[in-house]
C-alpha atoms as a PDB file:
ATOM      1  CA  MET A   1     -31.369  11.704 -10.572  1.00  0.00           C
ATOM      2  CA  PRO A   2     -29.022  13.739  -9.563  1.00  0.00           C
ATOM      3  CA  SER A   3     -26.764  15.189 -12.243  1.00  0.00           C
ATOM      4  CA  LEU A   4     -23.810  13.724 -13.555  1.00  0.00           C
ATOM      5  CA  PHE A   5     -21.535  16.420 -13.729  1.00  0.00           C
ATOM      6  CA  SER A   6     -21.907  17.720 -10.312  1.00  0.00           C
ATOM      7  CA  LEU A   7     -21.010  14.537  -8.880  1.00  0.00           C
ATOM      8  CA  TYR A   8     -18.024  13.938 -10.369  1.00  0.00           C
ATOM      9  CA  ARG A   9     -17.430  17.727  -9.591  1.00  0.00           C
ATOM     10  CA  LYS A  10     -17.341  16.446  -6.101  1.00  0.00           C
ATOM     11  CA  ILE A  11     -15.538  13.579  -6.619  1.00  0.00           C
ATOM     12  CA  PHE A  12     -12.979  15.560  -8.283  1.00  0.00           C
ATOM     13  CA  PHE A  13     -12.815  18.345  -6.364  1.00  0.00           C
ATOM     14  CA  GLY A  14     -13.519  17.219  -2.999  1.00  0.00           C
ATOM     15  CA  ARG A  15     -11.167  16.726  -0.320  1.00  0.00           C
ATOM     16  CA  LYS A  16     -11.734  13.825   2.362  1.00  0.00           C
ATOM     17  CA  PRO A  17      -9.279  12.394   4.917  1.00  0.00           C
ATOM     18  CA  GLY A  18     -10.190   9.157   5.349  1.00  0.00           C
ATOM     19  CA  TRP A  19     -11.769   7.146   7.489  1.00  0.00           C
ATOM     20  CA  ASP A  20     -13.094   8.445  10.518  1.00  0.00           C
ATOM     21  CA  GLN A  21     -12.909   5.393  12.785  1.00  0.00           C
ATOM     22  CA  GLN A  22     -16.663   5.581  13.804  1.00  0.00           C
ATOM     23  CA  PRO A  23     -19.652   3.657  12.397  1.00  0.00           C
ATOM     24  CA  LEU A  24     -20.699   4.506   9.012  1.00  0.00           C
ATOM     25  CA  PRO A  25     -24.088   6.495   9.203  1.00  0.00           C
ATOM     26  CA  HIS A  26     -27.511   4.964   7.970  1.00  0.00           C
ATOM     27  CA  LEU A  27     -27.864   6.891   5.033  1.00  0.00           C
ATOM     28  CA  GLN A  28     -30.416   6.314   2.194  1.00  0.00           C
ATOM     29  CA  VAL A  29     -31.799   8.787  -0.852  1.00  0.00           C
ATOM     30  CA  SER A  30     -34.202   7.700  -3.485  1.00  0.00           C
ATOM     31  CA  ALA A  31     -35.328   8.171  -7.036  1.00  0.00           C
ATOM     32  CA  ARG A  32     -38.598   8.380  -7.945  1.00  0.00           C
ATOM     33  CA  GLN A  33     -40.571   7.382 -11.266  1.00  0.00           C
ATOM     34  CA  VAL A  34     -37.432   7.261 -13.267  1.00  0.00           C
ATOM     35  CA  GLN A  35     -37.326   6.821 -17.722  1.00  0.00           C
ATOM     36  CA  LEU A  36     -34.373   5.175 -18.348  1.00  0.00           C
ATOM     37  CA  SER A  37     -33.243   5.790 -21.953  1.00  0.00           C
ATOM     38  CA  ALA A  38     -33.802   2.914 -24.485  1.00  0.00           C
ATOM     39  CA  GLU A  39     -30.619   4.456 -26.506  1.00  0.00           C
ATOM     40  CA  LYS A  40     -28.614   4.676 -23.543  1.00  0.00           C
ATOM     41  CA  VAL A  41     -29.658   0.522 -22.713  1.00  0.00           C
ATOM     42  CA  ALA A  42     -28.839  -0.227 -26.348  1.00  0.00           C
ATOM     43  CA  GLU A  43     -25.007   1.401 -25.904  1.00  0.00           C
ATOM     44  CA  TYR A  44     -24.417  -0.475 -22.640  1.00  0.00           C
ATOM     45  CA  ALA A  45     -25.764  -3.946 -23.725  1.00  0.00           C
ATOM     46  CA  ASP A  46     -23.439  -2.884 -26.868  1.00  0.00           C
ATOM     47  CA  VAL A  47     -20.689  -2.910 -24.998  1.00  0.00           C
ATOM     48  CA  CYS A  48     -21.181  -5.579 -22.934  1.00  0.00           C
ATOM     49  CA  GLY A  49     -22.108  -7.848 -25.050  1.00  0.00           C
ATOM     50  CA  PHE A  50     -26.070  -7.845 -24.354  1.00  0.00           C
ATOM     51  CA  ALA A  51     -28.343  -8.854 -27.534  1.00  0.00           C
ATOM     52  CA  PHE A  52     -31.047  -6.346 -26.938  1.00  0.00           C
ATOM     53  CA  ASP A  53     -34.951  -5.980 -28.653  1.00  0.00           C
ATOM     54  CA  GLY A  54     -35.298  -2.105 -27.265  1.00  0.00           C
ATOM     55  CA  LYS A  55     -37.237  -3.468 -24.679  1.00  0.00           C
ATOM     56  CA  THR A  56     -36.109  -5.811 -22.587  1.00  0.00           C
ATOM     57  CA  LEU A  57     -32.850  -4.492 -19.919  1.00  0.00           C
ATOM     58  CA  PRO A  58     -30.055  -6.348 -19.160  1.00  0.00           C
ATOM     59  CA  PRO A  59     -30.121  -7.628 -16.199  1.00  0.00           C
ATOM     60  CA  THR A  60     -27.170  -5.975 -14.698  1.00  0.00           C
ATOM     61  CA  TYR A  61     -28.454  -2.756 -16.008  1.00  0.00           C
ATOM     62  CA  LEU A  62     -30.074  -0.930 -12.977  1.00  0.00           C
ATOM     63  CA  TYR A  63     -26.757  -1.628 -11.081  1.00  0.00           C
ATOM     64  CA  VAL A  64     -26.413   1.651 -13.721  1.00  0.00           C
ATOM     65  CA  ALA A  65     -29.472   3.565 -13.404  1.00  0.00           C
ATOM     66  CA  ALA A  66     -28.674   3.233  -9.417  1.00  0.00           C
ATOM     67  CA  PHE A  67     -24.969   4.398  -9.902  1.00  0.00           C
ATOM     68  CA  ARG A  68     -26.060   8.174  -9.312  1.00  0.00           C
ATOM     69  CA  LEU A  69     -27.466   7.174  -5.987  1.00  0.00           C
ATOM     70  CA  HIS A  70     -24.549   5.585  -5.188  1.00  0.00           C
ATOM     71  CA  ALA A  71     -22.511   8.352  -6.091  1.00  0.00           C
ATOM     72  CA  THR A  72     -24.520  10.196  -3.842  1.00  0.00           C
ATOM     73  CA  ILE A  73     -24.496   8.974  -0.921  1.00  0.00           C
ATOM     74  CA  PHE A  74     -20.055   8.617  -1.051  1.00  0.00           C
ATOM     75  CA  THR A  75     -19.934  12.388  -1.719  1.00  0.00           C
ATOM     76  CA  HIS A  76     -22.007  12.927   1.341  1.00  0.00           C
ATOM     77  CA  GLU A  77     -20.163  14.568   4.024  1.00  0.00           C
ATOM     78  CA  ALA A  78     -21.062  12.154   6.336  1.00  0.00           C
ATOM     79  CA  ILE A  79     -18.375  10.402   4.883  1.00  0.00           C
ATOM     80  CA  THR A  80     -15.172  10.734   5.539  1.00  0.00           C
ATOM     81  CA  PHE A  81     -13.600   8.495   2.618  1.00  0.00           C
ATOM     82  CA  PRO A  82     -12.973   9.176  -1.174  1.00  0.00           C
ATOM     83  CA  LEU A  83     -15.254   7.289  -3.743  1.00  0.00           C
ATOM     84  CA  LEU A  84     -12.113   7.189  -5.730  1.00  0.00           C
ATOM     85  CA  GLY A  85      -9.727   4.023  -4.377  1.00  0.00           C
ATOM     86  CA  LEU A  86     -12.363   1.487  -3.299  1.00  0.00           C
ATOM     87  CA  ILE A  87     -12.215  -1.529  -4.176  1.00  0.00           C
ATOM     88  CA  HIS A  88     -15.218  -3.446  -5.428  1.00  0.00           C
ATOM     89  CA  LEU A  89     -14.838  -6.710  -4.005  1.00  0.00           C
ATOM     90  CA  ARG A  90     -18.461  -8.374  -4.524  1.00  0.00           C
ATOM     91  CA  ASN A  91     -21.500  -8.204  -6.005  1.00  0.00           C
ATOM     92  CA  GLN A  92     -24.797  -9.903  -5.920  1.00  0.00           C
ATOM     93  CA  ILE A  93     -28.332  -8.598  -7.826  1.00  0.00           C
ATOM     94  CA  ARG A  94     -31.635 -10.146  -7.827  1.00  0.00           C
ATOM     95  CA  CYS A  95     -33.421 -10.498 -11.300  1.00  0.00           C
ATOM     96  CA  TYR A  96     -37.134 -11.210  -9.717  1.00  0.00           C
ATOM     97  CA  ARG A  97     -38.442 -10.507 -12.913  1.00  0.00           C
ATOM     98  CA  SER A  98     -37.370  -8.943 -16.452  1.00  0.00           C
ATOM     99  CA  VAL A  99     -37.860  -4.973 -16.750  1.00  0.00           C
ATOM    100  CA  ALA A 100     -39.003  -3.596 -19.922  1.00  0.00           C
ATOM    101  CA  VAL A 101     -37.033   0.061 -20.851  1.00  0.00           C
ATOM    102  CA  ASP A 102     -40.053   2.488 -20.504  1.00  0.00           C
ATOM    103  CA  GLU A 103     -41.504   1.257 -17.359  1.00  0.00           C
ATOM    104  CA  LEU A 104     -40.749   3.933 -14.576  1.00  0.00           C
ATOM    105  CA  LEU A 105     -39.619   2.756 -11.875  1.00  0.00           C
ATOM    106  CA  ASP A 106     -38.363   4.473  -8.405  1.00  0.00           C
ATOM    107  CA  ILE A 107     -34.295   3.501  -7.017  1.00  0.00           C
ATOM    108  CA  ASP A 108     -33.460   2.926  -3.166  1.00  0.00           C
ATOM    109  CA  CYS A 109     -29.848   3.483  -2.559  1.00  0.00           C
ATOM    110  CA  ALA A 110     -28.654   3.033   1.110  1.00  0.00           C
ATOM    111  CA  VAL A 111     -25.757   2.119   3.719  1.00  0.00           C
ATOM    112  CA  GLY A 112     -26.083  -1.326   5.035  1.00  0.00           C
ATOM    113  CA  GLU A 113     -23.587  -2.879   7.596  1.00  0.00           C
ATOM    114  CA  SER A 114     -20.108  -2.464   7.200  1.00  0.00           C
ATOM    115  CA  ARG A 115     -17.204  -3.925   9.245  1.00  0.00           C
ATOM    116  CA  GLU A 116     -13.421  -3.022   9.735  1.00  0.00           C
ATOM    117  CA  THR A 117     -11.037  -6.768   8.749  1.00  0.00           C
ATOM    118  CA  ASP A 118      -7.726  -7.080   8.904  1.00  0.00           C
ATOM    119  CA  SER A 119      -7.931  -5.188   5.359  1.00  0.00           C
ATOM    120  CA  GLY A 120      -9.745  -2.530   5.944  1.00  0.00           C
ATOM    121  CA  LEU A 121     -13.393  -1.084   6.057  1.00  0.00           C
ATOM    122  CA  GLU A 122     -15.578  -3.241   4.385  1.00  0.00           C
ATOM    123  CA  PHE A 123     -19.033  -2.507   4.198  1.00  0.00           C
ATOM    124  CA  GLU A 124     -22.494  -2.029   2.099  1.00  0.00           C
ATOM    125  CA  LEU A 125     -24.273  -0.552   0.281  1.00  0.00           C
ATOM    126  CA  LEU A 126     -27.849  -1.988  -0.749  1.00  0.00           C
ATOM    127  CA  SER A 127     -29.984  -0.880  -4.133  1.00  0.00           C
ATOM    128  CA  LYS A 128     -33.367  -1.463  -4.363  1.00  0.00           C
ATOM    129  CA  VAL A 129     -36.000  -0.801  -7.690  1.00  0.00           C
ATOM    130  CA  TYR A 130     -39.425  -0.920  -7.621  1.00  0.00           C
ATOM    131  CA  ARG A 131     -42.391  -0.563 -10.026  1.00  0.00           C
ATOM    132  CA  GLY A 132     -45.083   0.821  -7.964  1.00  0.00           C
ATOM    133  CA  ASP A 133     -45.054  -1.528  -5.167  1.00  0.00           C
ATOM    134  CA  GLU A 134     -43.096  -4.318  -6.555  1.00  0.00           C
ATOM    135  CA  LEU A 135     -39.619  -4.779  -6.032  1.00  0.00           C
ATOM    136  CA  VAL A 136     -38.637  -6.194  -9.700  1.00  0.00           C
ATOM    137  CA  TRP A 137     -34.717  -5.605  -8.745  1.00  0.00           C
ATOM    138  CA  ASP A 138     -32.076  -5.431  -6.058  1.00  0.00           C
ATOM    139  CA  ALA A 139     -28.311  -5.817  -5.112  1.00  0.00           C
ATOM    140  CA  VAL A 140     -25.597  -6.072  -2.035  1.00  0.00           C
ATOM    141  CA  SER A 141     -22.355  -4.231  -3.269  1.00  0.00           C
ATOM    142  CA  THR A 142     -18.866  -4.815  -0.782  1.00  0.00           C
ATOM    143  CA  TYR A 143     -16.658  -2.776  -0.696  1.00  0.00           C
ATOM    144  CA  LEU A 144     -13.450  -1.695   0.835  1.00  0.00           C
ATOM    145  CA  TYR A 145     -11.596   1.355   1.901  1.00  0.00           C
ATOM    146  CA  ARG A 146      -8.155  -0.619   2.660  1.00  0.00           C
ATOM    147  CA  MET A 147      -5.732   0.541   5.582  1.00  0.00           C
ATOM    148  CA  ASP A 148      -2.543  -1.209   5.449  1.00  0.00           C
ATOM    149  CA  LYS A 149      -1.619  -2.782   7.974  1.00  0.00           C
ATOM    150  CA  PRO A 150       2.367  -4.287   8.501  1.00  0.00           C
ATOM    151  CA  GLY A 151       2.953  -7.979   7.987  1.00  0.00           C
ATOM    152  CA  ARG A 152      -0.064  -8.521   6.244  1.00  0.00           C
ATOM    153  CA  ARG A 153       0.159 -10.735   2.817  1.00  0.00           C
ATOM    154  CA  ALA A 154      -2.289 -11.936   0.566  1.00  0.00           C
ATOM    155  CA  ARG A 155      -2.373 -15.471  -0.788  1.00  0.00           C
ATOM    156  CA  PRO A 156      -3.288 -15.078  -4.672  1.00  0.00           C
ATOM    157  CA  PRO A 157      -6.565 -16.292  -5.321  1.00  0.00           C
ATOM    158  CA  LYS A 158      -6.766 -20.231  -7.879  1.00  0.00           C
ATOM    159  CA  GLY A 159      -9.119 -20.689 -10.156  1.00  0.00           C
ATOM    160  CA  ALA A 160     -12.378 -22.963  -9.303  1.00  0.00           C
ATOM    161  CA  ASP A 161     -12.237 -27.453 -10.286  1.00  0.00           C
ATOM    162  CA  MET A 162     -13.390 -26.793 -13.177  1.00  0.00           C
ATOM    163  CA  ASP A 163     -13.211 -28.112 -16.714  1.00  0.00           C
ATOM    164  CA  TRP A 164     -10.972 -25.317 -18.428  1.00  0.00           C
ATOM    165  CA  GLN A 165     -10.652 -26.923 -21.434  1.00  0.00           C
ATOM    166  CA  GLU A 166     -12.623 -25.188 -24.271  1.00  0.00           C
ATOM    167  CA  PRO A 167     -12.952 -21.710 -22.633  1.00  0.00           C
ATOM    168  CA  VAL A 168     -14.354 -18.611 -24.410  1.00  0.00           C
ATOM    169  CA  PHE A 169     -11.965 -16.186 -25.629  1.00  0.00           C
ATOM    170  CA  TRP A 170     -11.764 -12.030 -25.417  1.00  0.00           C
ATOM    171  CA  ASP A 171     -10.132  -9.530 -26.483  1.00  0.00           C
ATOM    172  CA  LEU A 172      -9.927  -6.377 -24.885  1.00  0.00           C
ATOM    173  CA  GLU A 173      -9.226  -3.448 -26.838  1.00  0.00           C
ATOM    174  CA  GLU A 174      -8.122  -0.721 -24.585  1.00  0.00           C
ATOM    175  CA  ASP A 175     -10.280   2.375 -24.567  1.00  0.00           C
ATOM    176  CA  LEU A 176     -12.964  -0.467 -23.648  1.00  0.00           C
ATOM    177  CA  GLY A 177     -12.658   1.376 -19.750  1.00  0.00           C
ATOM    178  CA  ARG A 178     -13.598   4.379 -21.963  1.00  0.00           C
ATOM    179  CA  ARG A 179     -17.068   3.353 -23.793  1.00  0.00           C
ATOM    180  CA  TYR A 180     -17.969   1.647 -20.987  1.00  0.00           C
ATOM    181  CA  ALA A 181     -17.486   4.874 -18.934  1.00  0.00           C
ATOM    182  CA  ARG A 182     -19.822   6.559 -21.364  1.00  0.00           C
ATOM    183  CA  ALA A 183     -22.578   3.628 -21.740  1.00  0.00           C
ATOM    184  CA  SER A 184     -22.550   3.708 -17.675  1.00  0.00           C
ATOM    185  CA  GLY A 185     -21.823   6.861 -16.230  1.00  0.00           C
ATOM    186  CA  ASP A 186     -18.791   5.502 -14.363  1.00  0.00           C
ATOM    187  CA  TYR A 187     -15.837   7.753 -14.956  1.00  0.00           C
ATOM    188  CA  ASN A 188     -13.883   6.290 -12.132  1.00  0.00           C
ATOM    189  CA  LEU A 189      -9.827   8.070 -13.155  1.00  0.00           C
ATOM    190  CA  ILE A 190      -7.993   4.127 -13.254  1.00  0.00           C
ATOM    191  CA  HIS A 191     -10.627   2.787 -16.044  1.00  0.00           C
ATOM    192  CA  LEU A 192      -9.998   5.609 -19.035  1.00  0.00           C
ATOM    193  CA  HIS A 193      -6.369   6.143 -19.856  1.00  0.00           C
ATOM    194  CA  PRO A 194      -2.766   4.649 -18.880  1.00  0.00           C
ATOM    195  CA  LEU A 195      -2.241   8.378 -18.043  1.00  0.00           C
ATOM    196  CA  LEU A 196      -4.666   9.013 -15.032  1.00  0.00           C
ATOM    197  CA  SER A 197      -4.519   5.676 -14.090  1.00  0.00           C
ATOM    198  CA  LYS A 198      -0.391   5.559 -12.934  1.00  0.00           C
ATOM    199  CA  ARG A 199      -1.736   8.338 -10.518  1.00  0.00           C
ATOM    200  CA  PHE A 200      -3.779   5.268  -7.768  1.00  0.00           C
ATOM    201  CA  GLY A 201      -0.146   3.251  -9.103  1.00  0.00           C
ATOM    202  CA  PHE A 202      -1.269   1.367 -12.381  1.00  0.00           C
ATOM    203  CA  ASP A 203       0.988   1.214 -15.224  1.00  0.00           C
ATOM    204  CA  ARG A 204      -2.360   0.698 -17.369  1.00  0.00           C
ATOM    205  CA  VAL A 205      -5.698   0.681 -17.036  1.00  0.00           C
ATOM    206  CA  LEU A 206      -7.992  -2.160 -15.704  1.00  0.00           C
ATOM    207  CA  VAL A 207     -11.249  -2.441 -16.879  1.00  0.00           C
ATOM    208  CA  HIS A 208     -14.006  -2.159 -14.330  1.00  0.00           C
ATOM    209  CA  GLY A 209     -15.549  -4.903 -12.902  1.00  0.00           C
ATOM    210  CA  MET A 210     -19.421  -4.272 -13.684  1.00  0.00           C
ATOM    211  CA  TRP A 211     -18.607  -5.030 -17.134  1.00  0.00           C
ATOM    212  CA  SER A 212     -16.237  -7.967 -16.559  1.00  0.00           C
ATOM    213  CA  LYS A 213     -19.782  -8.787 -14.281  1.00  0.00           C
ATOM    214  CA  ALA A 214     -22.365  -7.976 -17.132  1.00  0.00           C
ATOM    215  CA  ARG A 215     -19.912  -9.156 -20.197  1.00  0.00           C
ATOM    216  CA  CYS A 216     -19.675 -12.662 -18.512  1.00  0.00           C
ATOM    217  CA  VAL A 217     -23.984 -12.322 -17.819  1.00  0.00           C
ATOM    218  CA  ALA A 218     -24.549 -11.822 -21.210  1.00  0.00           C
ATOM    219  CA  GLU A 219     -22.001 -14.565 -21.871  1.00  0.00           C
ATOM    220  CA  LEU A 220     -24.882 -16.910 -20.214  1.00  0.00           C
ATOM    221  CA  MET A 221     -28.339 -15.059 -20.979  1.00  0.00           C
ATOM    222  CA  PRO A 222     -29.453 -18.022 -23.575  1.00  0.00           C
ATOM    223  CA  GLN A 223     -28.947 -21.022 -20.436  1.00  0.00           C
ATOM    224  CA  ILE A 224     -31.087 -17.751 -18.150  1.00  0.00           C
ATOM    225  CA  GLY A 225     -33.601 -16.326 -20.150  1.00  0.00           C
ATOM    226  CA  GLN A 226     -36.779 -14.800 -18.478  1.00  0.00           C
ATOM    227  CA  ARG A 227     -36.662 -17.089 -15.134  1.00  0.00           C
ATOM    228  CA  PRO A 228     -35.525 -15.213 -12.042  1.00  0.00           C
ATOM    229  CA  PHE A 229     -32.163 -15.351 -10.295  1.00  0.00           C
ATOM    230  CA  THR A 230     -29.292 -14.299  -8.733  1.00  0.00           C
ATOM    231  CA  ILE A 231     -26.180 -13.773  -9.743  1.00  0.00           C
ATOM    232  CA  ASP A 232     -23.548 -13.284  -7.098  1.00  0.00           C
ATOM    233  CA  VAL A 233     -19.589 -12.294  -7.817  1.00  0.00           C
ATOM    234  CA  ALA A 234     -16.565 -12.313  -6.388  1.00  0.00           C
ATOM    235  CA  PHE A 235     -14.162 -10.297  -7.511  1.00  0.00           C
ATOM    236  CA  LYS A 236     -10.894 -10.992  -7.473  1.00  0.00           C
ATOM    237  CA  LEU A 237      -6.829 -10.256  -9.765  1.00  0.00           C
ATOM    238  CA  PRO A 238      -7.361  -6.782 -11.619  1.00  0.00           C
ATOM    239  CA  LEU A 239      -8.115  -7.141 -14.883  1.00  0.00           C
ATOM    240  CA  PHE A 240      -5.724  -4.643 -16.614  1.00  0.00           C
ATOM    241  CA  MET A 241      -6.146  -3.772 -20.894  1.00  0.00           C
ATOM    242  CA  PRO A 242      -5.350  -4.600 -23.053  1.00  0.00           C
ATOM    243  CA  ALA A 243      -5.382  -7.613 -22.771  1.00  0.00           C
ATOM    244  CA  ARG A 244      -7.113 -11.786 -23.740  1.00  0.00           C
ATOM    245  CA  VAL A 245      -9.709 -13.203 -21.509  1.00  0.00           C
ATOM    246  CA  SER A 246     -10.680 -16.241 -20.791  1.00  0.00           C
ATOM    247  CA  PHE A 247     -14.183 -17.484 -19.594  1.00  0.00           C
ATOM    248  CA  ASN A 248     -15.458 -20.853 -18.930  1.00  0.00           C
ATOM    249  CA  ALA A 249     -19.427 -22.239 -16.874  1.00  0.00           C
ATOM    250  CA  GLN A 250     -20.788 -24.913 -16.101  1.00  0.00           C
ATOM    251  CA  THR A 251     -24.123 -25.984 -14.993  1.00  0.00           C
ATOM    252  CA  SER A 252     -24.344 -26.988 -11.169  1.00  0.00           C
ATOM    253  CA  ALA A 253     -27.665 -28.513  -9.074  1.00  0.00           C
ATOM    254  CA  SER A 254     -28.352 -25.398  -7.358  1.00  0.00           C
ATOM    255  CA  GLY A 255     -27.073 -23.884 -10.424  1.00  0.00           C
ATOM    256  CA  ILE A 256     -24.589 -21.700 -13.305  1.00  0.00           C
ATOM    257  CA  LEU A 257     -20.816 -21.787 -11.389  1.00  0.00           C
ATOM    258  CA  PHE A 258     -19.021 -19.758 -13.908  1.00  0.00           C
ATOM    259  CA  GLU A 259     -15.703 -17.869 -13.964  1.00  0.00           C
ATOM    260  CA  LEU A 260     -13.219 -15.307 -15.963  1.00  0.00           C
ATOM    261  CA  ARG A 261      -9.762 -16.095 -16.103  1.00  0.00           C
ATOM    262  CA  ASP A 262      -6.348 -15.161 -17.824  1.00  0.00           C
ATOM    263  CA  GLN A 263      -5.351 -16.209 -21.350  1.00  0.00           C
ATOM    264  CA  LYS A 264      -3.750 -19.082 -20.162  1.00  0.00           C
ATOM    265  CA  GLY A 265      -7.268 -20.173 -17.353  1.00  0.00           C
ATOM    266  CA  ARG A 266      -4.842 -19.943 -14.625  1.00  0.00           C
ATOM    267  CA  ARG A 267      -5.491 -16.796 -12.551  1.00  0.00           C
ATOM    268  CA  PRO A 268      -8.702 -15.722 -11.657  1.00  0.00           C
ATOM    269  CA  HIS A 269      -9.635 -11.968 -12.145  1.00  0.00           C
ATOM    270  CA  LEU A 270     -14.305 -12.858 -11.705  1.00  0.00           C
ATOM    271  CA  VAL A 271     -15.534 -15.700 -10.003  1.00  0.00           C
ATOM    272  CA  GLY A 272     -19.353 -16.520  -9.578  1.00  0.00           C
ATOM    273  CA  ASN A 273     -22.944 -18.480  -9.538  1.00  0.00           C
ATOM    274  CA  ILE A 274     -26.177 -18.187 -11.117  1.00  0.00           C
ATOM    275  CA  THR A 275     -29.410 -19.450  -9.034  1.00  0.00           C
ATOM    276  CA  PHE A 276     -32.445 -19.752 -10.329  1.00  0.00           C
ATOM    277  CA  MET A 277     -35.343 -18.757  -8.225  1.00  0.00           C
ATOM    278  CA  ASP A 278     -38.080 -20.313  -9.619  1.00  0.00           C
END
C-alpha cells in the first residue's frame, strides 16, 4: 500500500489549477495481498460504534482500506483538480459476505463515469476487494468538483416521510474528526480543527461523511446480521461539531430506510437505505 506520508505531502503541498474541461482519464491502481491490522480495525470500530469481535470486519472498514488507493488516484498528475475541497455526494457499498480481519485481500480502485452538471463536475470512484478470485466487497463513491454558476440557488433538502417520534440521539464532540482521522487515515483539514476548517470557509469542523455512514450502519448491525447487503447513502446538509444529532430507521418491503438528522429532527444530514441480496 502507498505511504500516507508521501500522499499527504502531495495533497497539502501540491498545486493543481482546477478541472481542465477534459474528460477524466481512465486511471486504475491496485494493491495485492493486503494485510489489515486488527489494532487499527478495533480503533475504527470504537470511533464508529461497531461491536468488533476481533475477527469480522465492520462492513464499512474496507472503504478505509481502499482510501490510500483513492488518494493515489487523486494525486495523479492527470487529475488536474485538488482532493481538498471535493464534495462527497453519494456512496454505495455492497457486502457480498463477511470478511475476516486476517484475510489477505486484493484491492482495485479506478475512475468511473464523469459528467458535467449544473453544480460542476460529478465523477465516480470505483473500489473492488477480492479474496483470490472471489469478489467480497465493492463500492461506488460519487464526488463533485464544484464550479459555481451565476443565478443557481439550491433548495434545502427535506427529510423523508418517516415517523420521528422516538429517534436515537448521539452527542458528537469536537474531537470526533481527529479521532476518526487517526483511525481511518483520512486527514481532510475541514474535519480536524476550526483553524484549519476556516481556510475553506467553515467556522467549525465538519463530520466526515463516511463516519456518519459507518455510525448509522453500526446502529443497524443487529438487524443486518451476516446477510449480504447493499448500503446506499446520500450526503445532504453539512454536519458541524460539536452537535447533537438524531437517527431513526424503518423497515420497508425492500429493506431498511434510515436518516441522520439534526437534534430537532427537521434537517437531514444523511439519508440511506439497506437492501438485502438474499
